[in-house]
Amino acid sequence: MQVAATSRRRSTARRGDAATPAKRRRDPFWARLAVIVGALLMMASGGTIVAGRVLISEAMSDFTTTNMLGGDAAAGPGGSNINGAINLLLVGIDERPPGSPETGVLSDTIVVLHIPASHDQAFLISIPRDTRAQIPAYPPTHYPGSTEKINAAFGYGYRGDGTEIEKRARGVDLLARTINKLSGIKFNGAALIDFPGFEAVIHELGGVYMCVDQRAVSSHLGYDRNGKILRLWANDKGEVQGIPPGGRPVVHEIGCGRMSPVLALDYSRIRYSLPNGDYDRQRHQQQLLKAIAKEATSKGVISDPPKLRRVIAAAGKAFVLDTQGVPIEDFIFTLKGVAANDLVLIRTNAGGYNGIAGTTFQQLSQESLEMLAAARDGRLLEFLATHPHLIARS
């Protein structure tokens, strides 16, 4: 894959479930792109659409864009064609902290964002990281191909020579090819964010409001004897390691409230202490994305220009975007009918664990494969009408 020269473009992206209001609130058109990547916040509104387009273009000048979907097998139609249903690949990656026995960069979060042809709603579909998948051969890194957990695809694309952004772009490319082989979905674009960058965006938003729906013991954080939060790591049982004498693990108890960036991100990453493991984590990640989208379009952000600019700057540093040649402002205006409250959370395998006996692999049920096929063909709305149990709590 030939990675395009990067440019800097800018865009923008607190703890709880919120009931849908009787009257649907329409977010400012420039803010609705927040649902596309879960954290991007658009430029301040004002004036006509023409003036807004100029402001958006200026605001996005600090965003990094590059070609991350280099193969015909994975990339959807590019250029100026953003008609019809849209599928975007959202990838969250994690670099292990110093002292961790694990090394390298992992794709801990894999989300397909589906927008129907009506461009007035958005659906988040999480793919379990342990899904057994056929990863195709990838000549740019001399990878021969294999069958294993789907999150390994990013690592096989990432390895080898090149700049950091080139390596990450290859990782997204091979992951997209793997999802395409599994589901047939071709992507109109992709967004990549690492966890420190995600945390920085939430910090500038002032935290997020979320509801903890089940007690969760952290695998990543602990307290020292004075109550200071420590960034740690987990063993293969998900037990946090490196807690000093007198310290304890971080535990998220059931209840609603405002979460700090560190705790919000931690809660969305926990899986070992949850009854349904990765499926519960997927739901919490989706809830966090929706909480960020709602916060990004709240009055407290859009009416505070200095805060807005700080969020824009943080998002510009955190995200790498690939719009397949479509100007980002065109995406915004195409999707101006999507509001944060229109973000629908979808459960693969109906939210339950579907393991393969004798292995650590999981597999997608036939129903989940049919759901992905519906997203591929632009029929997801019709499919969910007859499979409403796949819609998760928000």
Protein backbone atom coordinates (compact mmCIF):
# COMPACT_ATOMS: atom_id res chain seq x y z
CA MET A 1 0.00 0.00 0.00
CA GLN A 2 1.28 3.45 -0.82
CA VAL A 3 0.55 5.74 2.11
CA ALA A 4 -0.41 9.21 0.97
CA ALA A 5 1.50 12.21 2.26
CA THR A 6 -0.22 13.45 5.37
CA SER A 7 -1.83 16.79 5.89
CA ARG A 8 -3.11 18.42 9.03
CA ARG A 9 -6.84 18.96 9.30
CA ARG A 10 -8.83 20.05 12.27
CA SER A 11 -12.21 19.05 13.54
CA THR A 12 -13.65 18.36 17.01
CA ALA A 13 -15.17 15.87 18.63
CA ARG A 14 -19.76 13.39 30.97
CA ARG A 15 -21.41 9.45 32.88
CA GLY A 16 -25.02 8.11 32.02
CA ASP A 17 -27.94 6.84 30.03
CA ALA A 18 -30.32 9.62 29.05
CA ALA A 19 -33.95 9.08 28.17
CA THR A 20 -34.90 10.12 24.66
CA PRO A 21 -36.81 13.40 24.91
CA ALA A 22 -40.37 13.55 23.69
CA LYS A 23 -39.32 16.17 21.19
CA ARG A 24 -36.11 15.30 19.35
CA ARG A 25 -33.49 17.99 19.82
CA ARG A 26 -31.64 18.95 16.67
CA ASP A 27 -27.96 19.57 17.19
CA PRO A 28 -26.14 22.30 15.23
CA PHE A 29 -25.23 20.96 11.78
CA TRP A 30 -21.50 21.40 12.39
CA ALA A 31 -21.64 19.42 15.63
CA ARG A 32 -23.31 16.31 14.24
CA LEU A 33 -20.11 14.86 12.88
CA ALA A 34 -19.34 13.98 16.50
CA VAL A 35 -21.37 10.80 16.03
CA ILE A 36 -19.15 9.73 13.16
CA VAL A 37 -16.03 9.23 15.24
CA GLY A 38 -17.55 9.51 18.70
CA ALA A 39 -15.38 12.40 19.82
CA LEU A 40 -14.86 14.91 17.01
CA LEU A 41 -16.38 18.28 17.67
CA MET A 42 -17.11 20.74 14.93
CA MET A 43 -16.42 24.41 14.69
CA ALA A 44 -18.75 26.94 16.35
CA SER A 45 -22.01 27.54 14.51
CA GLY A 46 -23.15 30.84 13.15
CA GLY A 47 -24.64 32.36 10.06
CA THR A 48 -25.43 30.57 6.87
CA ILE A 49 -24.35 27.14 5.68
CA VAL A 50 -21.88 28.79 3.33
CA ALA A 51 -20.25 30.66 6.22
CA GLY A 52 -20.34 27.47 8.28
CA ARG A 53 -18.52 25.56 5.56
CA VAL A 54 -15.71 28.12 5.56
CA LEU A 55 -15.43 27.94 9.35
CA ILE A 56 -15.37 24.14 9.32
CA SER A 57 -12.69 24.02 6.64
CA GLU A 58 -10.52 26.39 8.70
CA ALA A 59 -11.16 24.46 11.93
CA MET A 60 -10.11 21.14 10.42
CA SER A 61 -6.73 22.34 9.13
CA ASP A 62 -4.95 20.69 12.07
CA PHE A 63 -6.35 17.18 11.56
CA THR A 64 -4.08 14.45 10.25
CA THR A 65 -5.47 12.74 7.17
CA THR A 66 -3.86 9.89 5.27
CA ASN A 67 -4.81 6.91 3.14
CA MET A 68 -5.55 4.02 5.52
CA LEU A 69 -7.77 1.98 3.17
CA GLY A 70 -5.32 1.14 0.45
CA GLY A 71 -6.89 -1.98 -1.01
CA ASP A 72 -9.81 -2.34 -3.42
CA ALA A 73 -11.01 -5.26 -1.31
CA ALA A 74 -11.69 -2.97 1.63
CA ALA A 75 -12.22 0.57 0.39
CA GLY A 76 -15.62 1.77 -0.71
CA PRO A 77 -16.34 4.44 -3.32
CA GLY A 78 -14.25 7.54 -2.80
CA GLY A 79 -14.02 10.86 -4.58
CA SER A 80 -17.09 13.03 -4.21
CA ASN A 81 -19.51 10.09 -4.09
CA ILE A 82 -21.03 9.86 -0.63
CA ASN A 83 -24.52 9.03 -1.75
CA GLY A 84 -26.33 6.02 -0.32
CA ALA A 85 -25.47 4.08 2.83
CA ILE A 86 -22.10 4.78 4.47
CA ASN A 87 -19.85 2.43 6.45
CA LEU A 88 -16.91 3.84 8.42
CA LEU A 89 -14.28 1.85 10.32
CA LEU A 90 -13.39 3.19 13.78
CA VAL A 91 -10.26 1.72 15.39
CA GLY A 92 -8.97 2.36 18.92
CA ILE A 93 -5.41 1.27 19.60
CA ASP A 94 -3.47 0.76 22.81
CA GLU A 95 0.27 0.95 23.41
CA ARG A 96 1.25 -0.98 26.52
CA PRO A 97 2.71 1.09 29.39
CA PRO A 98 6.36 0.79 30.52
CA GLY A 99 6.85 -2.27 32.71
CA SER A 100 4.05 -4.26 31.08
CA PRO A 101 5.05 -7.77 29.93
CA GLU A 102 3.03 -7.14 26.75
CA THR A 103 4.53 -5.04 23.97
CA GLY A 104 3.46 -3.56 20.67
CA VAL A 105 0.32 -1.81 19.48
CA LEU A 106 -3.05 -3.57 19.70
CA SER A 107 -6.43 -2.75 18.15
CA ASP A 108 -8.50 -3.02 21.31
CA THR A 109 -11.60 -1.39 19.82
CA ILE A 110 -13.09 -2.26 16.42
CA VAL A 111 -16.33 -0.53 15.48
CA VAL A 112 -18.29 -0.36 12.22
CA LEU A 113 -20.25 2.89 12.05
CA HIS A 114 -23.18 2.43 9.67
CA ILE A 115 -25.23 5.35 8.34
CA PRO A 116 -28.27 4.46 6.19
CA ALA A 117 -28.95 6.10 2.84
CA SER A 118 -31.33 8.54 4.55
CA HIS A 119 -28.30 10.04 6.36
CA ASP A 120 -30.40 10.83 9.43
CA GLN A 121 -29.27 8.12 11.85
CA ALA A 122 -26.11 6.24 12.83
CA PHE A 123 -25.48 2.71 14.15
CA LEU A 124 -22.45 1.49 16.11
CA ILE A 125 -21.57 -2.18 15.55
CA SER A 126 -18.69 -3.50 17.69
CA ILE A 127 -16.72 -6.52 16.49
CA PRO A 128 -15.34 -8.65 19.35
CA ARG A 129 -11.56 -8.48 19.42
CA ASP A 130 -11.29 -12.28 19.92
CA THR A 131 -13.40 -13.11 16.84
CA ARG A 132 -11.84 -15.94 14.86
CA ALA A 133 -11.13 -14.55 11.41
CA GLN A 134 -9.15 -15.32 8.30
CA ILE A 135 -6.54 -12.59 8.00
CA PRO A 136 -5.49 -12.32 4.34
CA ALA A 137 -1.91 -12.24 3.13
CA TYR A 138 -0.45 -8.74 3.16
CA PRO A 139 2.54 -8.17 0.84
CA PRO A 140 3.55 -4.73 2.25
CA THR A 141 4.74 -6.46 5.45
CA HIS A 142 5.41 -9.90 3.90
CA TYR A 143 2.69 -11.39 6.08
CA PRO A 144 1.57 -14.76 4.62
CA GLY A 145 -1.94 -14.78 6.11
CA SER A 146 -3.42 -16.92 8.87
CA THR A 147 -6.57 -17.66 10.84
CA GLU A 148 -6.62 -16.19 14.35
CA LYS A 149 -8.13 -13.44 16.50
CA ILE A 150 -9.24 -10.47 14.44
CA ASN A 151 -7.40 -7.88 16.52
CA ALA A 152 -4.10 -9.48 15.41
CA ALA A 153 -4.72 -8.08 11.93
CA PHE A 154 -3.74 -4.57 12.96
CA GLY A 155 -0.45 -5.82 14.43
CA TYR A 156 0.50 -7.74 11.29
CA GLY A 157 -0.08 -4.65 9.19
CA TYR A 158 1.69 -2.38 11.69
CA ARG A 159 4.95 -4.26 11.83
CA GLY A 160 7.87 -3.48 9.55
CA ASP A 161 9.60 -0.30 8.48
CA GLY A 162 8.13 3.14 8.02
CA THR A 163 7.03 6.17 9.97
CA GLU A 164 4.59 5.71 12.84
CA ILE A 165 1.69 7.00 10.74
CA GLU A 166 2.63 4.72 7.84
CA LYS A 167 2.71 1.70 10.15
CA ARG A 168 -0.63 2.60 11.72
CA ALA A 169 -2.15 3.14 8.28
CA ARG A 170 -1.04 -0.34 7.23
CA GLY A 171 -2.58 -1.75 10.41
CA VAL A 172 -5.95 -0.19 9.63
CA ASP A 173 -5.71 -1.33 6.02
CA LEU A 174 -5.13 -4.99 6.92
CA LEU A 175 -7.85 -4.85 9.58
CA ALA A 176 -10.29 -3.43 7.01
CA ARG A 177 -9.35 -6.19 4.55
CA THR A 178 -9.94 -8.79 7.27
CA ILE A 179 -13.40 -7.38 8.10
CA ASN A 180 -14.18 -7.29 4.39
CA LYS A 181 -13.27 -10.97 4.09
CA LEU A 182 -15.48 -11.75 7.09
CA SER A 183 -18.49 -9.63 6.13
CA GLY A 184 -18.10 -8.23 2.62
CA ILE A 185 -18.30 -4.67 3.98
CA LYS A 186 -16.35 -2.00 2.10
CA PHE A 187 -15.58 1.20 3.96
CA ASN A 188 -16.12 4.79 2.87
CA GLY A 189 -13.59 6.00 5.40
CA ALA A 190 -11.77 5.24 8.63
CA ALA A 191 -10.77 6.94 11.89
CA LEU A 192 -7.91 5.86 14.15
CA ILE A 193 -7.33 7.04 17.71
CA ASP A 194 -5.04 5.90 20.48
CA PHE A 195 -6.22 5.79 24.09
CA PRO A 196 -4.03 8.67 25.36
CA GLY A 197 -5.45 10.85 22.58
CA PHE A 198 -8.99 9.80 23.45
CA GLU A 199 -8.36 10.71 27.07
CA ALA A 200 -7.07 14.15 26.04
CA VAL A 201 -10.30 14.89 24.13
CA ILE A 202 -12.44 13.87 27.13
CA HIS A 203 -10.25 16.05 29.35
CA GLU A 204 -10.97 19.11 27.25
CA LEU A 205 -14.68 18.29 27.33
CA GLY A 206 -14.46 18.38 31.13
CA GLY A 207 -15.27 14.68 31.58
CA VAL A 208 -18.42 12.80 30.57
CA TYR A 209 -21.65 11.81 32.31
CA MET A 210 -22.15 8.03 32.32
CA CYS A 211 -24.06 5.35 34.19
CA VAL A 212 -22.16 2.32 35.49
CA ASP A 213 -24.64 -0.51 34.89
CA GLN A 214 -22.59 -3.29 36.54
CA ARG A 215 -19.79 -3.41 39.11
CA ALA A 216 -16.46 -3.52 37.30
CA VAL A 217 -12.95 -4.09 38.68
CA SER A 218 -10.25 -2.34 36.66
CA SER A 219 -7.51 -4.24 34.89
CA HIS A 220 -5.58 -1.07 34.13
CA LEU A 221 -5.73 1.23 37.16
CA GLY A 222 -5.06 1.04 40.87
CA TYR A 223 -4.79 3.37 43.87
CA ASP A 224 -1.74 3.81 46.03
CA ARG A 225 -2.10 4.07 49.83
CA ASN A 226 -2.89 7.80 49.48
CA GLY A 227 -5.65 7.32 46.90
CA LYS A 228 -3.61 8.47 43.91
CA ILE A 229 -4.55 6.71 40.66
CA LEU A 230 -1.76 4.61 39.12
CA ARG A 231 -1.66 3.40 35.49
CA LEU A 232 -0.83 -0.31 35.66
CA TRP A 233 -1.34 -3.51 33.66
CA ALA A 234 -3.09 -6.87 33.92
CA ASN A 235 -2.03 -10.49 33.97
CA ASP A 236 -3.64 -13.09 31.71
CA LYS A 237 -6.57 -13.37 34.16
CA GLY A 238 -7.29 -9.65 33.97
CA GLU A 239 -5.99 -8.96 37.50
CA VAL A 240 -4.30 -5.59 37.81
CA GLN A 241 -0.58 -5.89 38.54
CA GLY A 242 1.96 -3.55 40.10
CA ILE A 243 -0.16 -2.20 42.97
CA PRO A 244 2.18 -0.97 45.71
CA PRO A 245 1.80 -2.01 49.38
CA GLY A 246 -1.29 -0.41 50.90
CA GLY A 247 -2.87 0.18 47.51
CA ARG A 248 -5.94 -1.37 45.88
CA PRO A 249 -7.55 -1.83 42.43
CA VAL A 250 -9.91 0.78 41.04
CA VAL A 251 -13.51 -0.47 41.26
CA HIS A 252 -16.43 1.12 39.40
CA GLU A 253 -19.63 0.74 41.44
CA ILE A 254 -23.16 0.86 39.99
CA GLY A 255 -24.53 4.37 39.69
CA CYS A 256 -24.60 7.48 37.54
CA GLY A 257 -22.40 10.54 37.67
CA ARG A 258 -19.69 12.54 35.99
CA MET A 259 -16.50 10.62 35.24
CA SER A 260 -13.01 11.99 34.87
CA PRO A 261 -11.23 11.21 31.58
CA VAL A 262 -9.02 8.55 33.21
CA LEU A 263 -11.93 6.73 34.88
CA ALA A 264 -14.30 7.01 31.89
CA LEU A 265 -11.77 5.49 29.53
CA ASP A 266 -10.86 2.81 32.07
CA TYR A 267 -14.49 1.78 32.53
CA SER A 268 -14.94 1.45 28.77
CA ARG A 269 -11.93 -0.89 28.54
CA ILE A 270 -12.76 -3.38 31.31
CA ARG A 271 -13.84 -6.88 30.28
CA TYR A 272 -12.34 -9.52 32.59
CA SER A 273 -14.51 -8.74 35.65
CA LEU A 274 -17.77 -8.50 33.67
CA PRO A 275 -20.26 -11.40 33.29
CA ASN A 276 -20.28 -11.25 29.48
CA GLY A 277 -16.67 -10.19 29.06
CA ASP A 278 -15.95 -8.45 25.78
CA TYR A 279 -19.66 -8.06 24.96
CA ASP A 280 -20.25 -5.99 28.09
CA ARG A 281 -17.14 -3.99 27.25
CA GLN A 282 -18.44 -3.34 23.75
CA ARG A 283 -21.64 -1.91 25.21
CA HIS A 284 -19.70 0.33 27.58
CA GLN A 285 -17.47 1.55 24.75
CA GLN A 286 -20.53 2.39 22.69
CA GLN A 287 -22.07 4.18 25.67
CA LEU A 288 -18.90 6.24 26.06
CA LEU A 289 -18.90 7.19 22.38
CA LYS A 290 -22.50 8.32 22.67
CA ALA A 291 -21.77 10.22 25.90
CA ILE A 292 -18.93 12.06 24.16
CA ALA A 293 -21.14 12.88 21.18
CA LYS A 294 -23.82 14.28 23.50
CA GLU A 295 -21.25 16.28 25.46
CA ALA A 296 -19.72 17.61 22.26
CA THR A 297 -23.08 18.99 21.16
CA SER A 298 -24.09 20.34 24.56
CA LYS A 299 -24.68 24.03 25.20
CA GLY A 300 -21.78 24.11 27.65
CA VAL A 301 -19.37 23.33 24.80
CA ILE A 302 -20.86 25.08 21.78
CA SER A 303 -21.41 28.33 23.69
CA ASP A 304 -17.84 28.46 25.03
CA PRO A 305 -15.47 29.31 22.12
CA PRO A 306 -12.22 28.94 24.14
CA LYS A 307 -13.27 25.50 25.35
CA LEU A 308 -14.36 24.59 21.84
CA ARG A 309 -10.97 25.53 20.44
CA ARG A 310 -9.20 23.44 23.09
CA VAL A 311 -11.31 20.41 22.23
CA ILE A 312 -10.60 20.94 18.53
CA ALA A 313 -6.87 21.09 19.18
CA ALA A 314 -6.95 17.92 21.31
CA ALA A 315 -8.96 16.05 18.67
CA GLY A 316 -6.58 17.20 15.96
CA LYS A 317 -3.69 15.59 17.83
CA ALA A 318 -5.60 12.43 18.70
CA PHE A 319 -7.18 11.35 15.42
CA VAL A 320 -6.00 10.16 12.05
CA LEU A 321 -8.76 10.26 9.41
CA ASP A 322 -9.24 8.72 5.98
CA THR A 323 -12.26 9.99 4.04
CA GLN A 324 -11.26 8.32 0.77
CA GLY A 325 -10.82 11.62 -0.99
CA VAL A 326 -14.06 13.21 0.18
CA PRO A 327 -13.46 16.62 1.83
CA ILE A 328 -14.34 16.27 5.52
CA GLU A 329 -16.63 19.29 5.31
CA ASP A 330 -18.62 17.43 2.62
CA PHE A 331 -19.09 14.57 5.07
CA ILE A 332 -20.36 17.03 7.66
CA PHE A 333 -22.90 18.57 5.35
CA THR A 334 -24.00 15.21 3.95
CA LEU A 335 -24.63 13.97 7.49
CA LYS A 336 -26.12 17.16 8.90
CA GLY A 337 -29.34 15.27 9.66
CA VAL A 338 -27.62 12.98 12.18
CA ALA A 339 -27.90 14.10 15.81
CA ALA A 340 -26.21 12.67 18.91
CA ASN A 341 -29.54 11.22 20.07
CA ASP A 342 -29.75 9.28 16.80
CA LEU A 343 -26.73 7.09 17.68
CA VAL A 344 -28.04 3.52 18.01
CA LEU A 345 -25.96 0.83 19.74
CA ILE A 346 -26.01 -2.65 18.16
CA ARG A 347 -25.06 -5.92 19.90
CA THR A 348 -23.22 -8.64 17.99
CA ASN A 349 -24.20 -12.15 19.13
CA ALA A 350 -27.15 -10.47 20.89
CA GLY A 351 -24.72 -9.31 23.57
CA GLY A 352 -23.73 -12.81 24.72
CA TYR A 353 -20.48 -14.76 24.67
CA ASN A 354 -20.16 -17.15 21.74
CA GLY A 355 -16.89 -19.02 22.27
CA ILE A 356 -15.38 -21.90 20.34
CA ALA A 357 -14.95 -24.93 22.60
CA GLY A 358 -11.38 -25.66 23.62
CA THR A 359 -10.04 -22.31 22.38
CA THR A 360 -9.92 -18.65 23.39
CA PHE A 361 -11.59 -17.70 20.10
CA GLN A 362 -15.09 -16.38 19.67
CA GLN A 363 -17.23 -16.61 16.56
CA LEU A 364 -19.97 -14.45 15.16
CA SER A 365 -23.37 -16.12 15.12
CA GLN A 366 -25.22 -16.61 11.86
CA GLU A 367 -27.59 -13.85 12.93
CA SER A 368 -24.67 -11.47 13.47
CA LEU A 369 -23.21 -12.32 10.07
CA GLU A 370 -26.59 -11.61 8.51
CA MET A 371 -26.68 -8.29 10.37
CA LEU A 372 -23.28 -7.32 8.97
CA ALA A 373 -24.48 -8.35 5.50
CA ALA A 374 -27.46 -6.03 5.95
CA ALA A 375 -25.06 -3.18 6.81
CA ARG A 376 -23.03 -4.07 3.75
CA ASP A 377 -26.10 -3.92 1.51
CA GLY A 378 -27.69 -0.84 3.09
CA ARG A 379 -30.55 -2.88 4.63
CA LEU A 380 -29.67 -2.55 8.33
CA LEU A 381 -32.83 -0.60 9.25
CA GLU A 382 -35.04 -3.29 7.73
CA PHE A 383 -33.01 -6.05 9.41
CA LEU A 384 -33.25 -4.47 12.86
CA ALA A 385 -37.00 -4.04 12.46
CA THR A 386 -37.28 -7.85 12.56
CA HIS A 387 -34.39 -8.35 15.04
CA PRO A 388 -34.98 -5.65 17.69
CA HIS A 389 -33.20 -7.67 20.40
CA LEU A 390 -29.88 -6.70 18.76
CA ILE A 391 -30.39 -3.07 19.79
CA ALA A 392 -28.52 -2.38 23.04
CA ARG A 393 -29.33 -0.02 25.87
CA SER A 394 -27.73 3.38 25.39
